[in-house]
Amino acid sequence: MTEVVGPRLYSCCNCRNQVALHDDVISKSFQGRNGRAFLFSHAMNVMVGPKEDRQLMTGLHTVADVYCRDCREVLGWKYERAYEETQKYKEGKFILEKSKIVKENW
């Protein structure tokens, strides 16, 4: 018999709502507010808050906080705009903090 295994996912640490696919991880070497964070190309089952300019380690960016759709936990942020040319690759992508997500189906 073969075992059917679903996709590897990340879920909200608070309520286990599925918020991202492992296949969408771009980088695991980012810094969040509370330590290590992952850069994802997509996120799901999240709400995006209002945009604001924020001075981050890599310069000024327009970002919007990202919340779990079920429990409203702040999970990270979405890069809306990067002002420096070398940071443009982040636009439209999501930072999810490692401390706010858990692995599922690993």
PDB file of N, CA and C in Angstrom:
ATOM      1  N   MET A   1       0.831  -1.189   0.000  1.00  0.00           N
ATOM      2  CA  MET A   1       0.000   0.000   0.000  1.00  0.00           C
ATOM      3  C   MET A   1       0.873   1.249   0.000  1.00  0.00           C
ATOM      4  N   THR A   2       0.466   2.243  -0.740  1.00  0.00           N
ATOM      5  CA  THR A   2       1.170   3.509  -0.723  1.00  0.00           C
ATOM      6  C   THR A   2       0.411   4.492   0.147  1.00  0.00           C
ATOM      7  N   GLU A   3       1.164   5.258   0.857  1.00  0.00           N
ATOM      8  CA  GLU A   3       0.561   6.259   1.740  1.00  0.00           C
ATOM      9  C   GLU A   3       0.362   7.550   0.960  1.00  0.00           C
ATOM     10  N   VAL A   4      -0.833   8.103   1.032  1.00  0.00           N
ATOM     11  CA  VAL A   4      -1.123   9.366   0.373  1.00  0.00           C
ATOM     12  C   VAL A   4      -0.770  10.492   1.336  1.00  0.00           C
ATOM     13  N   VAL A   5       0.137  11.334   0.891  1.00  0.00           N
ATOM     14  CA  VAL A   5       0.588  12.437   1.737  1.00  0.00           C
ATOM     15  C   VAL A   5       0.211  13.748   1.058  1.00  0.00           C
ATOM     16  N   GLY A   6      -0.435  14.618   1.821  1.00  0.00           N
ATOM     17  CA  GLY A   6      -0.817  15.922   1.285  1.00  0.00           C
ATOM     18  C   GLY A   6       0.367  16.859   1.244  1.00  0.00           C
ATOM     19  N   PRO A   7       0.145  18.046   0.758  1.00  0.00           N
ATOM     20  CA  PRO A   7       1.242  19.025   0.680  1.00  0.00           C
ATOM     21  C   PRO A   7       1.710  19.446   2.067  1.00  0.00           C
ATOM     22  N   ARG A   8       2.989  19.757   2.158  1.00  0.00           N
ATOM     23  CA  ARG A   8       3.526  20.280   3.419  1.00  0.00           C
ATOM     24  C   ARG A   8       3.055  21.719   3.559  1.00  0.00           C
ATOM     25  N   LEU A   9       2.518  22.026   4.728  1.00  0.00           N
ATOM     26  CA  LEU A   9       1.884  23.319   4.978  1.00  0.00           C
ATOM     27  C   LEU A   9       2.459  23.985   6.212  1.00  0.00           C
ATOM     28  N   TYR A  10       2.178  25.268   6.324  1.00  0.00           N
ATOM     29  CA  TYR A  10       2.393  26.002   7.570  1.00  0.00           C
ATOM     30  C   TYR A  10       1.039  26.511   8.033  1.00  0.00           C
ATOM     31  N   SER A  11       0.802  26.416   9.336  1.00  0.00           N
ATOM     32  CA  SER A  11      -0.466  26.833   9.932  1.00  0.00           C
ATOM     33  C   SER A  11      -0.219  27.855  11.025  1.00  0.00           C
ATOM     34  N   CYS A  12      -1.259  28.605  11.349  1.00  0.00           N
ATOM     35  CA  CYS A  12      -1.213  29.563  12.447  1.00  0.00           C
ATOM     36  C   CYS A  12      -0.904  28.815  13.744  1.00  0.00           C
ATOM     37  N   CYS A  13       0.009  29.322  14.528  1.00  0.00           N
ATOM     38  CA  CYS A  13       0.383  28.659  15.785  1.00  0.00           C
ATOM     39  C   CYS A  13      -0.742  28.695  16.811  1.00  0.00           C
ATOM     40  N   ASN A  14      -1.656  29.629  16.654  1.00  0.00           N
ATOM     41  CA  ASN A  14      -2.724  29.825  17.631  1.00  0.00           C
ATOM     42  C   ASN A  14      -3.932  28.923  17.380  1.00  0.00           C
ATOM     43  N   CYS A  15      -4.370  28.830  16.109  1.00  0.00           N
ATOM     44  CA  CYS A  15      -5.622  28.110  15.821  1.00  0.00           C
ATOM     45  C   CYS A  15      -5.477  27.010  14.770  1.00  0.00           C
ATOM     46  N   ARG A  16      -4.291  26.835  14.221  1.00  0.00           N
ATOM     47  CA  ARG A  16      -3.996  25.805  13.220  1.00  0.00           C
ATOM     48  C   ARG A  16      -4.670  26.043  11.865  1.00  0.00           C
ATOM     49  N   ASN A  17      -5.093  27.255  11.593  1.00  0.00           N
ATOM     50  CA  ASN A  17      -5.593  27.630  10.277  1.00  0.00           C
ATOM     51  C   ASN A  17      -4.419  27.543   9.291  1.00  0.00           C
ATOM     52  N   GLN A  18      -4.602  26.887   8.155  1.00  0.00           N
ATOM     53  CA  GLN A  18      -3.540  26.736   7.167  1.00  0.00           C
ATOM     54  C   GLN A  18      -3.301  28.071   6.467  1.00  0.00           C
ATOM     55  N   VAL A  19      -2.045  28.537   6.510  1.00  0.00           N
ATOM     56  CA  VAL A  19      -1.753  29.874   5.983  1.00  0.00           C
ATOM     57  C   VAL A  19      -0.746  29.908   4.838  1.00  0.00           C
ATOM     58  N   ALA A  20       0.015  28.833   4.621  1.00  0.00           N
ATOM     59  CA  ALA A  20       1.004  28.856   3.536  1.00  0.00           C
ATOM     60  C   ALA A  20       1.448  27.446   3.177  1.00  0.00           C
ATOM     61  N   LEU A  21       1.901  27.307   1.943  1.00  0.00           N
ATOM     62  CA  LEU A  21       2.455  26.047   1.461  1.00  0.00           C
ATOM     63  C   LEU A  21       3.980  26.099   1.543  1.00  0.00           C
ATOM     64  N   HIS A  22       4.577  24.976   1.914  1.00  0.00           N
ATOM     65  CA  HIS A  22       6.037  24.901   1.962  1.00  0.00           C
ATOM     66  C   HIS A  22       6.645  25.199   0.585  1.00  0.00           C
ATOM     67  N   ASP A  23       5.969  24.788  -0.467  1.00  0.00           N
ATOM     68  CA  ASP A  23       6.470  25.022  -1.829  1.00  0.00           C
ATOM     69  C   ASP A  23       6.553  26.506  -2.177  1.00  0.00           C
ATOM     70  N   ASP A  24       5.883  27.363  -1.421  1.00  0.00           N
ATOM     71  CA  ASP A  24       5.899  28.804  -1.682  1.00  0.00           C
ATOM     72  C   ASP A  24       6.977  29.551  -0.895  1.00  0.00           C
ATOM     73  N   VAL A  25       7.808  28.818  -0.139  1.00  0.00           N
ATOM     74  CA  VAL A  25       8.905  29.460   0.601  1.00  0.00           C
ATOM     75  C   VAL A  25       9.965  29.919  -0.398  1.00  0.00           C
ATOM     76  N   ILE A  26      10.306  31.192  -0.330  1.00  0.00           N
ATOM     77  CA  ILE A  26      11.376  31.742  -1.161  1.00  0.00           C
ATOM     78  C   ILE A  26      12.680  31.755  -0.379  1.00  0.00           C
ATOM     79  N   SER A  27      12.596  32.140   0.904  1.00  0.00           N
ATOM     80  CA  SER A  27      13.787  32.227   1.747  1.00  0.00           C
ATOM     81  C   SER A  27      13.413  32.016   3.210  1.00  0.00           C
ATOM     82  N   LYS A  28      14.328  31.371   3.934  1.00  0.00           N
ATOM     83  CA  LYS A  28      14.142  31.175   5.376  1.00  0.00           C
ATOM     84  C   LYS A  28      15.100  32.049   6.184  1.00  0.00           C
ATOM     85  N   SER A  29      15.725  33.007   5.540  1.00  0.00           N
ATOM     86  CA  SER A  29      16.750  33.803   6.225  1.00  0.00           C
ATOM     87  C   SER A  29      16.358  35.263   6.387  1.00  0.00           C
ATOM     88  N   PHE A  30      15.093  35.490   6.718  1.00  0.00           N
ATOM     89  CA  PHE A  30      14.622  36.855   6.959  1.00  0.00           C
ATOM     90  C   PHE A  30      14.463  37.096   8.455  1.00  0.00           C
ATOM     91  N   GLN A  31      14.380  38.372   8.813  1.00  0.00           N
ATOM     92  CA  GLN A  31      14.221  38.773  10.205  1.00  0.00           C
ATOM     93  C   GLN A  31      12.851  39.407  10.390  1.00  0.00           C
ATOM     94  N   GLY A  32      12.079  38.898  11.348  1.00  0.00           N
ATOM     95  CA  GLY A  32      10.783  39.473  11.669  1.00  0.00           C
ATOM     96  C   GLY A  32      10.878  40.329  12.910  1.00  0.00           C
ATOM     97  N   ARG A  33       9.745  40.717  13.440  1.00  0.00           N
ATOM     98  CA  ARG A  33       9.729  41.519  14.677  1.00  0.00           C
ATOM     99  C   ARG A  33      10.256  40.719  15.858  1.00  0.00           C
ATOM    100  N   ASN A  34       9.952  39.411  15.858  1.00  0.00           N
ATOM    101  CA  ASN A  34      10.267  38.557  17.009  1.00  0.00           C
ATOM    102  C   ASN A  34      11.239  37.447  16.661  1.00  0.00           C
ATOM    103  N   GLY A  35      12.184  37.711  15.771  1.00  0.00           N
ATOM    104  CA  GLY A  35      13.160  36.688  15.414  1.00  0.00           C
ATOM    105  C   GLY A  35      13.050  36.275  13.957  1.00  0.00           C
ATOM    106  N   ARG A  36      13.437  35.041  13.698  1.00  0.00           N
ATOM    107  CA  ARG A  36      13.514  34.534  12.336  1.00  0.00           C
ATOM    108  C   ARG A  36      12.160  34.538  11.636  1.00  0.00           C
ATOM    109  N   ALA A  37      12.209  34.747  10.318  1.00  0.00           N
ATOM    110  CA  ALA A  37      10.980  34.781   9.527  1.00  0.00           C
ATOM    111  C   ALA A  37      11.259  34.201   8.145  1.00  0.00           C
ATOM    112  N   PHE A  38      10.198  33.765   7.479  1.00  0.00           N
ATOM    113  CA  PHE A  38      10.293  33.187   6.141  1.00  0.00           C
ATOM    114  C   PHE A  38       9.627  34.120   5.137  1.00  0.00           C
ATOM    115  N   LEU A  39      10.199  34.201   3.947  1.00  0.00           N
ATOM    116  CA  LEU A  39       9.598  34.951   2.848  1.00  0.00           C
ATOM    117  C   LEU A  39       8.844  33.968   1.961  1.00  0.00           C
ATOM    118  N   PHE A  40       7.551  34.231   1.748  1.00  0.00           N
ATOM    119  CA  PHE A  40       6.686  33.374   0.933  1.00  0.00           C
ATOM    120  C   PHE A  40       6.212  34.140  -0.299  1.00  0.00           C
ATOM    121  N   SER A  41       6.038  33.414  -1.399  1.00  0.00           N
ATOM    122  CA  SER A  41       5.484  34.032  -2.601  1.00  0.00           C
ATOM    123  C   SER A  41       3.982  34.233  -2.473  1.00  0.00           C
ATOM    124  N   HIS A  42       3.317  33.395  -1.675  1.00  0.00           N
ATOM    125  CA  HIS A  42       1.863  33.475  -1.471  1.00  0.00           C
ATOM    126  C   HIS A  42       1.526  33.144  -0.016  1.00  0.00           C
ATOM    127  N   ALA A  43       0.370  33.593   0.423  1.00  0.00           N
ATOM    128  CA  ALA A  43      -0.198  33.187   1.715  1.00  0.00           C
ATOM    129  C   ALA A  43      -1.690  32.987   1.488  1.00  0.00           C
ATOM    130  N   MET A  44      -2.318  32.178   2.341  1.00  0.00           N
ATOM    131  CA  MET A  44      -3.751  31.907   2.192  1.00  0.00           C
ATOM    132  C   MET A  44      -4.428  31.999   3.550  1.00  0.00           C
ATOM    133  N   ASN A  45      -5.724  32.222   3.517  1.00  0.00           N
ATOM    134  CA  ASN A  45      -6.514  32.298   4.747  1.00  0.00           C
ATOM    135  C   ASN A  45      -6.002  33.377   5.701  1.00  0.00           C
ATOM    136  N   VAL A  46      -5.556  34.489   5.107  1.00  0.00           N
ATOM    137  CA  VAL A  46      -5.071  35.616   5.907  1.00  0.00           C
ATOM    138  C   VAL A  46      -5.816  36.878   5.483  1.00  0.00           C
ATOM    139  N   MET A  47      -5.773  37.865   6.344  1.00  0.00           N
ATOM    140  CA  MET A  47      -6.299  39.195   6.048  1.00  0.00           C
ATOM    141  C   MET A  47      -5.114  40.150   6.019  1.00  0.00           C
ATOM    142  N   VAL A  48      -5.173  41.115   5.116  1.00  0.00           N
ATOM    143  CA  VAL A  48      -4.112  42.105   4.984  1.00  0.00           C
ATOM    144  C   VAL A  48      -4.623  43.430   5.536  1.00  0.00           C
ATOM    145  N   GLY A  49      -3.883  43.992   6.474  1.00  0.00           N
ATOM    146  CA  GLY A  49      -4.273  45.252   7.104  1.00  0.00           C
ATOM    147  C   GLY A  49      -3.928  46.455   6.241  1.00  0.00           C
ATOM    148  N   PRO A  50      -4.078  47.649   6.803  1.00  0.00           N
ATOM    149  CA  PRO A  50      -3.785  48.882   6.057  1.00  0.00           C
ATOM    150  C   PRO A  50      -2.291  49.021   5.762  1.00  0.00           C
ATOM    151  N   LYS A  51      -1.988  49.671   4.652  1.00  0.00           N
ATOM    152  CA  LYS A  51      -0.601  49.903   4.244  1.00  0.00           C
ATOM    153  C   LYS A  51       0.009  51.007   5.096  1.00  0.00           C
ATOM    154  N   GLU A  52       1.300  50.856   5.369  1.00  0.00           N
ATOM    155  CA  GLU A  52       2.044  51.909   6.075  1.00  0.00           C
ATOM    156  C   GLU A  52       3.508  51.826   5.676  1.00  0.00           C
ATOM    157  N   ASP A  53       4.169  52.957   5.678  1.00  0.00           N
ATOM    158  CA  ASP A  53       5.608  52.981   5.428  1.00  0.00           C
ATOM    159  C   ASP A  53       6.316  52.564   6.708  1.00  0.00           C
ATOM    160  N   ARG A  54       7.298  51.678   6.556  1.00  0.00           N
ATOM    161  CA  ARG A  54       8.020  51.162   7.722  1.00  0.00           C
ATOM    162  C   ARG A  54       9.503  51.074   7.368  1.00  0.00           C
ATOM    163  N   GLN A  55      10.331  51.583   8.243  1.00  0.00           N
ATOM    164  CA  GLN A  55      11.785  51.484   8.066  1.00  0.00           C
ATOM    165  C   GLN A  55      12.217  50.110   8.571  1.00  0.00           C
ATOM    166  N   LEU A  56      12.656  49.253   7.672  1.00  0.00           N
ATOM    167  CA  LEU A  56      13.105  47.904   8.017  1.00  0.00           C
ATOM    168  C   LEU A  56      14.619  47.830   7.874  1.00  0.00           C
ATOM    169  N   MET A  57      15.185  46.691   8.190  1.00  0.00           N
ATOM    170  CA  MET A  57      16.640  46.533   8.139  1.00  0.00           C
ATOM    171  C   MET A  57      17.199  46.808   6.743  1.00  0.00           C
ATOM    172  N   THR A  58      16.393  46.546   5.712  1.00  0.00           N
ATOM    173  CA  THR A  58      16.862  46.710   4.329  1.00  0.00           C
ATOM    174  C   THR A  58      16.370  48.005   3.689  1.00  0.00           C
ATOM    175  N   GLY A  59      15.863  48.930   4.491  1.00  0.00           N
ATOM    176  CA  GLY A  59      15.436  50.216   3.960  1.00  0.00           C
ATOM    177  C   GLY A  59      13.948  50.470   4.155  1.00  0.00           C
ATOM    178  N   LEU A  60      13.477  51.524   3.517  1.00  0.00           N
ATOM    179  CA  LEU A  60      12.081  51.919   3.639  1.00  0.00           C
ATOM    180  C   LEU A  60      11.209  51.073   2.710  1.00  0.00           C
ATOM    181  N   HIS A  61      10.126  50.541   3.269  1.00  0.00           N
ATOM    182  CA  HIS A  61       9.165  49.742   2.505  1.00  0.00           C
ATOM    183  C   HIS A  61       7.751  50.163   2.894  1.00  0.00           C
ATOM    184  N   THR A  62       6.815  50.005   1.961  1.00  0.00           N
ATOM    185  CA  THR A  62       5.399  50.091   2.294  1.00  0.00           C
ATOM    186  C   THR A  62       4.955  48.661   2.549  1.00  0.00           C
ATOM    187  N   VAL A  63       4.432  48.425   3.755  1.00  0.00           N
ATOM    188  CA  VAL A  63       4.032  47.076   4.160  1.00  0.00           C
ATOM    189  C   VAL A  63       2.629  47.122   4.748  1.00  0.00           C
ATOM    190  N   ALA A  64       2.026  45.948   4.863  1.00  0.00           N
ATOM    191  CA  ALA A  64       0.725  45.810   5.513  1.00  0.00           C
ATOM    192  C   ALA A  64       0.788  44.568   6.392  1.00  0.00           C
ATOM    193  N   ASP A  65       0.401  44.701   7.645  1.00  0.00           N
ATOM    194  CA  ASP A  65       0.401  43.546   8.534  1.00  0.00           C
ATOM    195  C   ASP A  65      -0.543  42.472   8.002  1.00  0.00           C
ATOM    196  N   VAL A  66      -0.170  41.208   8.244  1.00  0.00           N
ATOM    197  CA  VAL A  66      -0.951  40.058   7.802  1.00  0.00           C
ATOM    198  C   VAL A  66      -1.469  39.346   9.044  1.00  0.00           C
ATOM    199  N   TYR A  67      -2.779  39.078   9.055  1.00  0.00           N
ATOM    200  CA  TYR A  67      -3.453  38.459  10.204  1.00  0.00           C
ATOM    201  C   TYR A  67      -4.056  37.122   9.798  1.00  0.00           C
ATOM    202  N   CYS A  68      -4.094  36.169  10.721  1.00  0.00           N
ATOM    203  CA  CYS A  68      -4.823  34.922  10.506  1.00  0.00           C
ATOM    204  C   CYS A  68      -6.301  35.262  10.337  1.00  0.00           C
ATOM    205  N   ARG A  69      -6.922  34.721   9.314  1.00  0.00           N
ATOM    206  CA  ARG A  69      -8.332  35.018   9.039  1.00  0.00           C
ATOM    207  C   ARG A  69      -9.247  34.472  10.156  1.00  0.00           C
ATOM    208  N   ASP A  70      -8.846  33.378  10.806  1.00  0.00           N
ATOM    209  CA  ASP A  70      -9.703  32.768  11.828  1.00  0.00           C
ATOM    210  C   ASP A  70      -9.572  33.417  13.198  1.00  0.00           C
ATOM    211  N   CYS A  71      -8.339  33.578  13.699  1.00  0.00           N
ATOM    212  CA  CYS A  71      -8.167  34.053  15.085  1.00  0.00           C
ATOM    213  C   CYS A  71      -7.612  35.472  15.186  1.00  0.00           C
ATOM    214  N   ARG A  72      -7.262  36.079  14.054  1.00  0.00           N
ATOM    215  CA  ARG A  72      -6.763  37.466  13.998  1.00  0.00           C
ATOM    216  C   ARG A  72      -5.357  37.649  14.571  1.00  0.00           C
ATOM    217  N   GLU A  73      -4.634  36.574  14.773  1.00  0.00           N
ATOM    218  CA  GLU A  73      -3.240  36.654  15.226  1.00  0.00           C
ATOM    219  C   GLU A  73      -2.404  37.345  14.141  1.00  0.00           C
ATOM    220  N   VAL A  74      -1.534  38.276  14.534  1.00  0.00           N
ATOM    221  CA  VAL A  74      -0.615  38.892  13.571  1.00  0.00           C
ATOM    222  C   VAL A  74       0.469  37.862  13.258  1.00  0.00           C
ATOM    223  N   LEU A  75       0.596  37.527  11.980  1.00  0.00           N
ATOM    224  CA  LEU A  75       1.551  36.500  11.562  1.00  0.00           C
ATOM    225  C   LEU A  75       2.810  37.082  10.925  1.00  0.00           C
ATOM    226  N   GLY A  76       2.721  38.300  10.429  1.00  0.00           N
ATOM    227  CA  GLY A  76       3.848  38.926   9.738  1.00  0.00           C
ATOM    228  C   GLY A  76       3.359  40.121   8.947  1.00  0.00           C
ATOM    229  N   TRP A  77       3.877  40.291   7.727  1.00  0.00           N
ATOM    230  CA  TRP A  77       3.454  41.402   6.889  1.00  0.00           C
ATOM    231  C   TRP A  77       3.605  41.062   5.420  1.00  0.00           C
ATOM    232  N   LYS A  78       2.975  41.891   4.605  1.00  0.00           N
ATOM    233  CA  LYS A  78       3.088  41.792   3.154  1.00  0.00           C
ATOM    234  C   LYS A  78       3.847  43.009   2.662  1.00  0.00           C
ATOM    235  N   TYR A  79       4.822  42.776   1.789  1.00  0.00           N
ATOM    236  CA  TYR A  79       5.540  43.874   1.155  1.00  0.00           C
ATOM    237  C   TYR A  79       4.686  44.419   0.018  1.00  0.00           C
ATOM    238  N   GLU A  80       4.250  45.649   0.136  1.00  0.00           N
ATOM    239  CA  GLU A  80       3.467  46.292  -0.911  1.00  0.00           C
ATOM    240  C   GLU A  80       4.361  47.070  -1.872  1.00  0.00           C
ATOM    241  N   ARG A  81       5.389  47.728  -1.317  1.00  0.00           N
ATOM    242  CA  ARG A  81       6.289  48.522  -2.161  1.00  0.00           C
ATOM    243  C   ARG A  81       7.669  48.590  -1.523  1.00  0.00           C
ATOM    244  N   ALA A  82       8.687  48.463  -2.365  1.00  0.00           N
ATOM    245  CA  ALA A  82      10.070  48.661  -1.932  1.00  0.00           C
ATOM    246  C   ALA A  82      10.591  49.904  -2.638  1.00  0.00           C
ATOM    247  N   TYR A  83      11.244  50.768  -1.909  1.00  0.00           N
ATOM    248  CA  TYR A  83      11.715  52.022  -2.483  1.00  0.00           C
ATOM    249  C   TYR A  83      13.102  51.898  -3.115  1.00  0.00           C
ATOM    250  N   GLU A  84      13.865  50.901  -2.688  1.00  0.00           N
ATOM    251  CA  GLU A  84      15.202  50.697  -3.253  1.00  0.00           C
ATOM    252  C   GLU A  84      15.128  49.620  -4.335  1.00  0.00           C
ATOM    253  N   GLU A  85      15.810  49.866  -5.435  1.00  0.00           N
ATOM    254  CA  GLU A  85      15.767  48.975  -6.593  1.00  0.00           C
ATOM    255  C   GLU A  85      16.154  47.533  -6.228  1.00  0.00           C
ATOM    256  N   THR A  86      17.146  47.378  -5.356  1.00  0.00           N
ATOM    257  CA  THR A  86      17.620  46.033  -4.997  1.00  0.00           C
ATOM    258  C   THR A  86      16.596  45.252  -4.166  1.00  0.00           C
ATOM    259  N   GLN A  87      15.568  45.922  -3.660  1.00  0.00           N
ATOM    260  CA  GLN A  87      14.566  45.282  -2.812  1.00  0.00           C
ATOM    261  C   GLN A  87      13.239  45.038  -3.524  1.00  0.00           C
ATOM    262  N   LYS A  88      13.132  45.405  -4.786  1.00  0.00           N
ATOM    263  CA  LYS A  88      11.877  45.305  -5.544  1.00  0.00           C
ATOM    264  C   LYS A  88      11.351  43.873  -5.629  1.00  0.00           C
ATOM    265  N   TYR A  89      12.235  42.865  -5.562  1.00  0.00           N
ATOM    266  CA  TYR A  89      11.807  41.465  -5.652  1.00  0.00           C
ATOM    267  C   TYR A  89      10.851  41.065  -4.519  1.00  0.00           C
ATOM    268  N   LYS A  90      10.814  41.832  -3.441  1.00  0.00           N
ATOM    269  CA  LYS A  90       9.952  41.527  -2.291  1.00  0.00           C
ATOM    270  C   LYS A  90       8.504  41.973  -2.499  1.00  0.00           C
ATOM    271  N   GLU A  91       8.268  42.859  -3.445  1.00  0.00           N
ATOM    272  CA  GLU A  91       6.928  43.415  -3.628  1.00  0.00           C
ATOM    273  C   GLU A  91       5.906  42.325  -3.906  1.00  0.00           C
ATOM    274  N   GLY A  92       4.779  42.385  -3.161  1.00  0.00           N
ATOM    275  CA  GLY A  92       3.711  41.403  -3.305  1.00  0.00           C
ATOM    276  C   GLY A  92       3.945  40.098  -2.558  1.00  0.00           C
ATOM    277  N   LYS A  93       5.058  40.006  -1.852  1.00  0.00           N
ATOM    278  CA  LYS A  93       5.389  38.775  -1.129  1.00  0.00           C
ATOM    279  C   LYS A  93       5.125  38.943   0.373  1.00  0.00           C
ATOM    280  N   PHE A  94       5.132  37.820   1.082  1.00  0.00           N
ATOM    281  CA  PHE A  94       4.711  37.778   2.482  1.00  0.00           C
ATOM    282  C   PHE A  94       5.843  37.341   3.398  1.00  0.00           C
ATOM    283  N   ILE A  95       5.968  38.005   4.526  1.00  0.00           N
ATOM    284  CA  ILE A  95       6.832  37.568   5.620  1.00  0.00           C
ATOM    285  C   ILE A  95       5.929  36.933   6.669  1.00  0.00           C
ATOM    286  N   LEU A  96       6.220  35.683   7.016  1.00  0.00           N
ATOM    287  CA  LEU A  96       5.536  35.023   8.127  1.00  0.00           C
ATOM    288  C   LEU A  96       6.594  34.669   9.153  1.00  0.00           C
ATOM    289  N   GLU A  97       6.352  35.078  10.388  1.00  0.00           N
ATOM    290  CA  GLU A  97       7.334  34.863  11.444  1.00  0.00           C
ATOM    291  C   GLU A  97       7.324  33.411  11.901  1.00  0.00           C
ATOM    292  N   LYS A  98       8.521  32.857  12.036  1.00  0.00           N
ATOM    293  CA  LYS A  98       8.655  31.446  12.420  1.00  0.00           C
ATOM    294  C   LYS A  98       7.934  31.148  13.733  1.00  0.00           C
ATOM    295  N   SER A  99       7.969  32.093  14.665  1.00  0.00           N
ATOM    296  CA  SER A  99       7.337  31.875  15.979  1.00  0.00           C
ATOM    297  C   SER A  99       5.810  31.875  15.900  1.00  0.00           C
ATOM    298  N   LYS A 100       5.250  32.307  14.749  1.00  0.00           N
ATOM    299  CA  LYS A 100       3.779  32.420  14.619  1.00  0.00           C
ATOM    300  C   LYS A 100       3.181  31.321  13.751  1.00  0.00           C
ATOM    301  N   ILE A 101       4.022  30.457  13.164  1.00  0.00           N
ATOM    302  CA  ILE A 101       3.518  29.381  12.307  1.00  0.00           C
ATOM    303  C   ILE A 101       4.079  28.031  12.755  1.00  0.00           C
ATOM    304  N   VAL A 102       3.337  26.974  12.436  1.00  0.00           N
ATOM    305  CA  VAL A 102       3.771  25.607  12.753  1.00  0.00           C
ATOM    306  C   VAL A 102       3.670  24.757  11.485  1.00  0.00           C
ATOM    307  N   LYS A 103       4.506  23.737  11.415  1.00  0.00           N
ATOM    308  CA  LYS A 103       4.504  22.825  10.270  1.00  0.00           C
ATOM    309  C   LYS A 103       3.357  21.830  10.380  1.00  0.00           C
ATOM    310  N   GLU A 104       2.744  21.522   9.225  1.00  0.00           N
ATOM    311  CA  GLU A 104       1.697  20.498   9.141  1.00  0.00           C
ATOM    312  C   GLU A 104       2.044  19.549   7.995  1.00  0.00           C
ATOM    313  N   ASN A 105       1.741  18.263   8.153  1.00  0.00           N
ATOM    314  CA  ASN A 105       1.962  17.230   7.123  1.00  0.00           C
ATOM    315  C   ASN A 105       3.437  17.032   6.794  1.00  0.00           C
ATOM    316  N   TRP A 106       4.304  17.091   7.799  1.00  0.00           N
ATOM    317  CA  TRP A 106       5.733  16.885   7.537  1.00  0.00           C
ATOM    318  C   TRP A 106       6.105  15.479   7.879  1.00  0.00           C
TER     319      TRP A 106
END
